[in-house]
């Protein structure tokens, strides 16, 4: 147990010395024990010197991760809808809200459109329009019985 305490003490001491060195840009002298049972007062000396390119980081505001997802900016009716589009029946999700300024509104998606396909696959869940960081998504919507295919880039949507 005493070896563990000694190595933890040395590790803590080294971290504090490195932090001091980083903040004050002057290498402190660190005295380390030569044997495990020795006290760090009469040990060997180690000098920590920073590399030449070490600079103090600029003060940046801390970025707080906001809750959200990458999507197209639509909110849908909670229940699936059945629609006839180009003479065929499709199950899909009716768009209830299109958020202005997001990919769906910029692509012309409107209230009442039925999303029937995402990336060429029949939509089983509206969350399929969500995806990875700014990835492309191709959706097929039905408006007034006519199919329309739209490709857009997902954008970060902050949850409300």
Protein backbone atom coordinates (compact mmCIF):
# COMPACT_ATOMS: atom_id res chain seq x y z
CA UNK A 1 0.00 0.00 0.00
CA UNK A 2 2.84 2.42 0.74
CA UNK A 3 4.28 1.90 -2.79
CA UNK A 4 0.92 2.80 -4.27
CA UNK A 5 0.69 5.93 -2.13
CA UNK A 6 4.25 6.89 -3.06
CA UNK A 7 3.65 6.48 -6.79
CA UNK A 8 0.37 8.40 -6.55
CA UNK A 9 2.16 11.18 -4.66
CA UNK A 10 4.92 11.34 -7.29
CA UNK A 11 2.36 11.33 -10.10
CA UNK A 12 0.38 14.14 -8.47
CA UNK A 13 3.57 16.08 -7.85
CA UNK A 14 4.60 15.75 -11.50
CA UNK A 15 1.18 16.88 -12.72
CA UNK A 16 1.26 19.92 -10.45
CA UNK A 17 4.78 20.74 -11.64
CA UNK A 18 3.73 20.43 -15.29
CA UNK A 19 0.75 22.69 -14.68
CA UNK A 20 2.98 25.22 -12.91
CA UNK A 21 5.41 25.07 -15.82
CA UNK A 22 2.62 25.57 -18.31
CA UNK A 23 1.15 28.55 -16.49
CA UNK A 24 4.42 30.30 -15.63
CA UNK A 25 6.57 29.33 -18.64
CA UNK A 26 9.53 28.61 -16.41
CA UNK A 27 10.74 25.10 -15.74
CA UNK A 28 10.57 24.25 -12.04
CA UNK A 29 13.06 21.93 -10.41
CA UNK A 30 11.44 18.71 -9.30
CA UNK A 31 13.07 16.51 -6.72
CA UNK A 32 12.20 12.85 -6.98
CA UNK A 33 13.09 10.03 -4.61
CA UNK A 34 15.73 7.57 -5.82
CA UNK A 35 14.17 4.64 -3.95
CA UNK A 36 10.54 3.84 -3.24
CA UNK A 37 10.84 4.25 0.51
CA UNK A 38 12.81 7.52 0.43
CA UNK A 39 11.21 10.87 1.01
CA UNK A 40 11.40 13.25 -1.99
CA UNK A 41 13.73 15.68 -0.17
CA UNK A 42 17.14 14.11 -0.95
CA UNK A 43 16.51 12.42 -4.30
CA UNK A 44 17.62 13.04 -7.84
CA UNK A 45 16.66 16.26 -9.64
CA UNK A 46 14.60 16.29 -12.83
CA UNK A 47 14.13 19.45 -14.84
CA UNK A 48 11.00 19.72 -16.97
CA UNK A 49 11.52 21.92 -20.02
CA UNK A 50 8.63 22.72 -22.34
CA UNK A 51 9.06 22.29 -26.10
CA UNK A 52 9.81 25.49 -28.03
CA UNK A 53 6.43 25.55 -29.73
CA UNK A 54 4.43 25.38 -26.49
CA UNK A 55 2.18 28.40 -26.27
CA UNK A 56 -0.55 29.37 -23.90
CA UNK A 57 -3.96 28.58 -25.38
CA UNK A 58 -6.11 31.57 -26.20
CA UNK A 59 -9.12 32.11 -24.01
CA UNK A 60 -12.10 30.74 -25.92
CA UNK A 61 -15.65 30.59 -24.73
CA UNK A 62 -16.58 27.12 -23.60
CA UNK A 63 -18.90 25.48 -26.10
CA UNK A 64 -21.82 23.79 -24.45
CA UNK A 65 -23.23 20.87 -26.41
CA UNK A 66 -26.80 21.66 -27.22
CA UNK A 67 -29.42 18.97 -27.39
CA UNK A 68 -30.62 18.28 -30.87
CA UNK A 69 -30.14 16.20 -33.98
CA UNK A 70 -29.33 16.51 -37.66
CA UNK A 71 -32.44 16.61 -39.78
CA UNK A 72 -34.33 18.66 -42.37
CA UNK A 73 -36.55 20.87 -40.19
CA UNK A 74 -40.00 19.29 -40.31
CA UNK A 75 -42.42 18.17 -37.64
CA UNK A 76 -44.95 15.56 -38.59
CA UNK A 77 -48.37 14.30 -37.67
CA UNK A 78 -47.88 11.61 -34.98
CA UNK A 79 -49.90 9.08 -36.98
CA UNK A 80 -48.94 7.60 -40.36
CA UNK A 81 -51.00 8.63 -43.36
CA UNK A 82 -52.07 6.68 -46.43
CA UNK A 83 -51.98 8.52 -49.72
CA UNK A 84 -52.53 7.77 -53.40
CA UNK A 85 -49.59 9.03 -55.40
CA UNK A 86 -49.16 8.40 -59.14
CA UNK A 87 -51.94 5.79 -58.95
CA UNK A 88 -50.36 3.77 -56.08
CA UNK A 89 -51.11 3.61 -52.37
CA UNK A 90 -48.32 4.65 -50.00
CA UNK A 91 -48.01 4.91 -46.25
CA UNK A 92 -46.10 7.95 -45.11
CA UNK A 93 -45.92 10.83 -42.67
CA UNK A 94 -47.80 14.10 -43.15
CA UNK A 95 -45.75 17.24 -42.62
CA UNK A 96 -47.44 19.47 -40.03
CA UNK A 97 -44.76 22.11 -39.50
CA UNK A 98 -41.92 23.23 -41.76
CA UNK A 99 -39.34 25.28 -39.87
CA UNK A 100 -38.40 28.37 -41.86
CA UNK A 101 -34.74 28.60 -42.88
CA UNK A 102 -34.02 24.87 -42.57
CA UNK A 103 -33.36 22.47 -45.48
CA UNK A 104 -37.00 21.36 -45.92
CA UNK A 105 -38.32 24.91 -46.28
CA UNK A 106 -35.48 25.84 -48.64
CA UNK A 107 -36.27 22.76 -50.77
CA UNK A 108 -39.96 23.67 -51.04
CA UNK A 109 -41.45 21.08 -48.67
CA UNK A 110 -44.79 22.41 -47.44
CA UNK A 111 -47.49 21.74 -44.86
CA UNK A 112 -49.57 18.72 -45.89
CA UNK A 113 -46.88 17.02 -47.98
CA UNK A 114 -46.63 13.30 -47.27
CA UNK A 115 -43.09 11.92 -46.89
CA UNK A 116 -43.24 8.43 -48.43
CA UNK A 117 -39.58 7.52 -49.04
CA UNK A 118 -36.22 8.37 -47.49
CA UNK A 119 -33.11 7.52 -49.51
CA UNK A 120 -35.17 5.24 -51.76
CA UNK A 121 -36.68 3.20 -48.92
CA UNK A 122 -40.29 3.24 -47.79
CA UNK A 123 -40.58 5.29 -44.61
CA UNK A 124 -41.43 3.24 -41.53
CA UNK A 125 -40.56 5.93 -38.99
CA UNK A 126 -40.23 9.66 -39.51
CA UNK A 127 -36.94 9.60 -37.58
CA UNK A 128 -35.40 8.10 -40.73
CA UNK A 129 -34.92 11.64 -42.04
CA UNK A 130 -32.50 12.23 -39.18
CA UNK A 131 -28.91 11.34 -39.85
CA UNK A 132 -25.26 12.18 -39.53
CA UNK A 133 -23.61 15.58 -39.41
CA UNK A 134 -24.64 17.49 -42.54
CA UNK A 135 -25.07 14.35 -44.65
CA UNK A 136 -27.24 14.30 -47.75
CA UNK A 137 -30.73 12.83 -47.66
CA UNK A 138 -33.10 12.20 -50.56
CA UNK A 139 -36.77 12.21 -49.68
CA UNK A 140 -39.80 11.50 -51.83
CA UNK A 141 -42.92 13.48 -51.00
CA UNK A 142 -46.41 13.25 -52.38
CA UNK A 143 -48.33 16.48 -52.91
CA UNK A 144 -51.75 16.47 -54.60
CA UNK A 145 -51.17 12.94 -55.89
CA UNK A 146 -47.84 13.76 -57.57
CA UNK A 147 -44.48 12.34 -56.45
CA UNK A 148 -41.61 14.74 -55.98
CA UNK A 149 -38.02 13.76 -55.15
CA UNK A 150 -35.87 16.25 -53.23
CA UNK A 151 -32.24 15.94 -52.09
CA UNK A 152 -31.00 18.17 -49.28
CA UNK A 153 -28.23 18.43 -46.72
CA UNK A 154 -29.17 17.76 -43.11
CA UNK A 155 -28.66 20.56 -40.62
CA UNK A 156 -28.43 20.70 -36.84
CA UNK A 157 -31.92 21.05 -35.37
CA UNK A 158 -32.05 22.22 -31.78
CA UNK A 159 -34.69 20.34 -29.79
CA UNK A 160 -37.42 22.51 -28.41
